[in-house]
């Protein structure tokens, strides 16, 4: 259950800064996430979430996240 809650939280987290501020993390384009990875993800929870979103996108698993977004 805890993993599901974490995925729901990840799906509903919005970018707090930068070019994509206010966008759901899953909606950030993969090339931008790759650039961030190369520059170094920010420290803390947001950096971990961005890294996880990149892995989800690289592995084509976005369809698992979209249904969890609360509209």
N, C-alpha and C. Protein backbone atom coordinates (compact mmCIF):
# COMPACT_ATOMS: atom_id res chain seq x y z
N UNK A 1 0.83 -1.20 0.00
CA UNK A 1 0.00 0.00 0.00
C UNK A 1 0.87 1.25 0.00
N UNK A 2 1.96 1.23 0.73
CA UNK A 2 2.84 2.39 0.81
C UNK A 2 3.40 2.75 -0.56
N UNK A 3 3.78 1.75 -1.37
CA UNK A 3 4.30 2.02 -2.71
C UNK A 3 3.25 2.67 -3.59
N UNK A 4 2.01 2.23 -3.47
CA UNK A 4 0.92 2.84 -4.26
C UNK A 4 0.75 4.30 -3.87
N UNK A 5 0.78 4.57 -2.58
CA UNK A 5 0.65 5.96 -2.12
C UNK A 5 1.79 6.82 -2.64
N UNK A 6 2.99 6.26 -2.67
CA UNK A 6 4.14 6.99 -3.20
C UNK A 6 3.97 7.27 -4.70
N UNK A 7 3.45 6.30 -5.44
CA UNK A 7 3.21 6.50 -6.86
C UNK A 7 2.13 7.56 -7.09
N UNK A 8 1.09 7.55 -6.27
CA UNK A 8 0.04 8.57 -6.37
C UNK A 8 0.63 9.94 -6.09
N UNK A 9 1.46 10.03 -5.07
CA UNK A 9 2.10 11.30 -4.73
C UNK A 9 3.01 11.75 -5.88
N UNK A 10 3.77 10.81 -6.45
CA UNK A 10 4.65 11.13 -7.58
C UNK A 10 3.84 11.64 -8.77
N UNK A 11 2.74 10.96 -9.07
CA UNK A 11 1.90 11.34 -10.21
C UNK A 11 1.33 12.74 -10.06
N UNK A 12 1.13 13.18 -8.84
CA UNK A 12 0.47 14.46 -8.58
C UNK A 12 1.42 15.58 -8.15
N UNK A 13 2.71 15.31 -8.21
CA UNK A 13 3.70 16.32 -7.87
C UNK A 13 3.95 17.22 -9.07
N UNK A 14 3.98 18.51 -8.82
CA UNK A 14 4.26 19.48 -9.88
C UNK A 14 5.66 20.04 -9.69
N UNK A 15 6.26 20.39 -10.79
CA UNK A 15 7.60 20.96 -10.79
C UNK A 15 7.57 22.29 -10.04
N UNK A 16 8.42 22.45 -9.01
CA UNK A 16 8.37 23.65 -8.19
C UNK A 16 9.21 24.83 -8.72
N UNK A 17 9.97 24.62 -9.78
CA UNK A 17 10.86 25.69 -10.27
C UNK A 17 11.18 25.48 -11.74
N UNK A 18 11.80 26.47 -12.32
CA UNK A 18 12.37 26.35 -13.67
C UNK A 18 11.37 26.47 -14.80
N UNK A 19 11.83 26.07 -15.96
CA UNK A 19 11.08 26.19 -17.21
C UNK A 19 9.72 25.51 -17.15
N UNK A 20 9.62 24.41 -16.42
CA UNK A 20 8.38 23.64 -16.35
C UNK A 20 7.67 23.78 -15.00
N UNK A 21 7.91 24.88 -14.33
CA UNK A 21 7.26 25.14 -13.05
C UNK A 21 5.74 25.02 -13.21
N UNK A 22 5.11 24.27 -12.29
CA UNK A 22 3.67 24.12 -12.30
C UNK A 22 3.17 22.94 -13.13
N UNK A 23 4.05 22.31 -13.89
CA UNK A 23 3.67 21.14 -14.69
C UNK A 23 3.83 19.87 -13.84
N UNK A 24 2.94 18.89 -14.07
CA UNK A 24 3.14 17.60 -13.42
C UNK A 24 4.49 17.05 -13.88
N UNK A 25 5.19 16.38 -12.98
CA UNK A 25 6.52 15.85 -13.33
C UNK A 25 6.45 14.92 -14.52
N UNK A 26 5.40 14.12 -14.63
CA UNK A 26 5.28 13.17 -15.72
C UNK A 26 5.13 13.87 -17.07
N UNK A 27 4.73 15.14 -17.06
CA UNK A 27 4.56 15.90 -18.30
C UNK A 27 5.83 16.62 -18.75
N UNK A 28 6.88 16.55 -17.95
CA UNK A 28 8.15 17.17 -18.34
C UNK A 28 8.79 16.31 -19.43
N UNK A 29 9.21 16.92 -20.54
CA UNK A 29 9.79 16.16 -21.65
C UNK A 29 11.06 15.41 -21.23
N UNK A 30 11.21 14.22 -21.78
CA UNK A 30 12.36 13.39 -21.46
C UNK A 30 13.70 14.08 -21.74
N UNK A 31 13.86 14.79 -22.87
CA UNK A 31 15.15 15.45 -23.11
C UNK A 31 15.52 16.45 -22.00
N UNK A 32 14.52 17.12 -21.45
CA UNK A 32 14.78 18.06 -20.35
C UNK A 32 15.25 17.30 -19.10
N UNK A 33 14.62 16.16 -18.84
CA UNK A 33 15.02 15.35 -17.68
C UNK A 33 16.43 14.80 -17.86
N UNK A 34 16.77 14.42 -19.10
CA UNK A 34 18.13 13.94 -19.38
C UNK A 34 19.13 15.07 -19.14
N UNK A 35 18.79 16.26 -19.60
CA UNK A 35 19.65 17.42 -19.37
C UNK A 35 19.84 17.64 -17.87
N UNK A 36 18.74 17.57 -17.11
CA UNK A 36 18.83 17.76 -15.66
C UNK A 36 19.72 16.70 -15.02
N UNK A 37 19.59 15.46 -15.49
CA UNK A 37 20.42 14.37 -14.97
C UNK A 37 21.89 14.68 -15.20
N UNK A 38 22.21 15.14 -16.42
CA UNK A 38 23.60 15.45 -16.75
C UNK A 38 24.13 16.62 -15.94
N UNK A 39 23.26 17.57 -15.63
CA UNK A 39 23.65 18.73 -14.81
C UNK A 39 23.69 18.37 -13.33
N UNK A 40 22.95 17.34 -12.97
CA UNK A 40 22.85 16.92 -11.57
C UNK A 40 21.47 17.27 -11.03
N UNK A 41 20.69 16.23 -10.74
CA UNK A 41 19.37 16.48 -10.16
C UNK A 41 19.51 17.24 -8.85
N UNK A 42 18.53 18.04 -8.50
CA UNK A 42 18.59 18.75 -7.22
C UNK A 42 18.61 17.75 -6.06
N UNK A 43 19.12 18.19 -4.95
CA UNK A 43 19.15 17.36 -3.75
C UNK A 43 17.75 17.21 -3.18
N UNK A 44 17.54 16.15 -2.45
CA UNK A 44 16.29 15.97 -1.74
C UNK A 44 15.23 15.20 -2.51
N UNK A 45 14.02 15.28 -2.01
CA UNK A 45 12.88 14.52 -2.53
C UNK A 45 12.60 14.83 -3.99
N UNK A 46 12.64 16.12 -4.37
CA UNK A 46 12.32 16.48 -5.75
C UNK A 46 13.34 15.88 -6.72
N UNK A 47 14.59 15.85 -6.34
CA UNK A 47 15.61 15.22 -7.18
C UNK A 47 15.37 13.73 -7.35
N UNK A 48 14.97 13.08 -6.26
CA UNK A 48 14.66 11.64 -6.33
C UNK A 48 13.46 11.40 -7.23
N UNK A 49 12.45 12.27 -7.12
CA UNK A 49 11.25 12.12 -7.93
C UNK A 49 11.55 12.36 -9.41
N UNK A 50 12.37 13.35 -9.71
CA UNK A 50 12.74 13.62 -11.10
C UNK A 50 13.52 12.45 -11.70
N UNK A 51 14.42 11.88 -10.92
CA UNK A 51 15.18 10.72 -11.38
C UNK A 51 14.25 9.54 -11.65
N UNK A 52 13.27 9.34 -10.78
CA UNK A 52 12.31 8.25 -10.96
C UNK A 52 11.45 8.48 -12.19
N UNK A 53 11.00 9.72 -12.40
CA UNK A 53 10.21 10.04 -13.59
C UNK A 53 11.03 9.76 -14.85
N UNK A 54 12.31 10.10 -14.84
CA UNK A 54 13.15 9.83 -16.00
C UNK A 54 13.21 8.32 -16.26
N UNK A 55 13.40 7.53 -15.23
CA UNK A 55 13.44 6.06 -15.39
C UNK A 55 12.12 5.54 -15.93
N UNK A 56 11.02 6.08 -15.44
CA UNK A 56 9.70 5.67 -15.92
C UNK A 56 9.57 5.98 -17.41
N UNK A 57 10.00 7.16 -17.82
CA UNK A 57 9.91 7.55 -19.23
C UNK A 57 10.85 6.72 -20.11
N UNK A 58 12.07 6.50 -19.67
CA UNK A 58 13.04 5.73 -20.44
C UNK A 58 12.52 4.32 -20.69
N UNK A 59 11.80 3.78 -19.72
CA UNK A 59 11.28 2.42 -19.84
C UNK A 59 9.86 2.35 -20.38
N UNK A 60 9.33 3.49 -20.83
CA UNK A 60 8.02 3.52 -21.46
C UNK A 60 6.86 3.17 -20.55
N UNK A 61 6.95 3.56 -19.28
CA UNK A 61 5.94 3.19 -18.30
C UNK A 61 5.02 4.35 -17.90
N UNK A 62 5.00 5.40 -18.71
CA UNK A 62 4.18 6.56 -18.38
C UNK A 62 2.71 6.20 -18.19
N UNK A 63 2.24 5.20 -18.92
CA UNK A 63 0.82 4.82 -18.85
C UNK A 63 0.43 4.32 -17.47
N UNK A 64 1.40 3.96 -16.66
CA UNK A 64 1.11 3.54 -15.28
C UNK A 64 0.86 4.74 -14.37
N UNK A 65 1.41 5.89 -14.75
CA UNK A 65 1.31 7.10 -13.92
C UNK A 65 0.09 7.93 -14.27
N UNK A 66 -0.22 8.06 -15.56
CA UNK A 66 -1.32 8.94 -15.99
C UNK A 66 -2.64 8.68 -15.27
N UNK A 67 -3.07 7.43 -15.07
CA UNK A 67 -4.36 7.21 -14.40
C UNK A 67 -4.37 7.65 -12.93
N UNK A 68 -3.20 7.86 -12.35
CA UNK A 68 -3.11 8.23 -10.94
C UNK A 68 -3.21 9.74 -10.71
N UNK A 69 -3.17 10.52 -11.79
CA UNK A 69 -3.25 11.97 -11.66
C UNK A 69 -4.67 12.36 -11.29
N UNK A 70 -4.79 13.13 -10.22
CA UNK A 70 -6.09 13.61 -9.75
C UNK A 70 -6.41 14.91 -10.47
N UNK A 71 -7.51 14.94 -11.17
CA UNK A 71 -7.86 16.13 -11.95
C UNK A 71 -8.86 16.96 -11.25
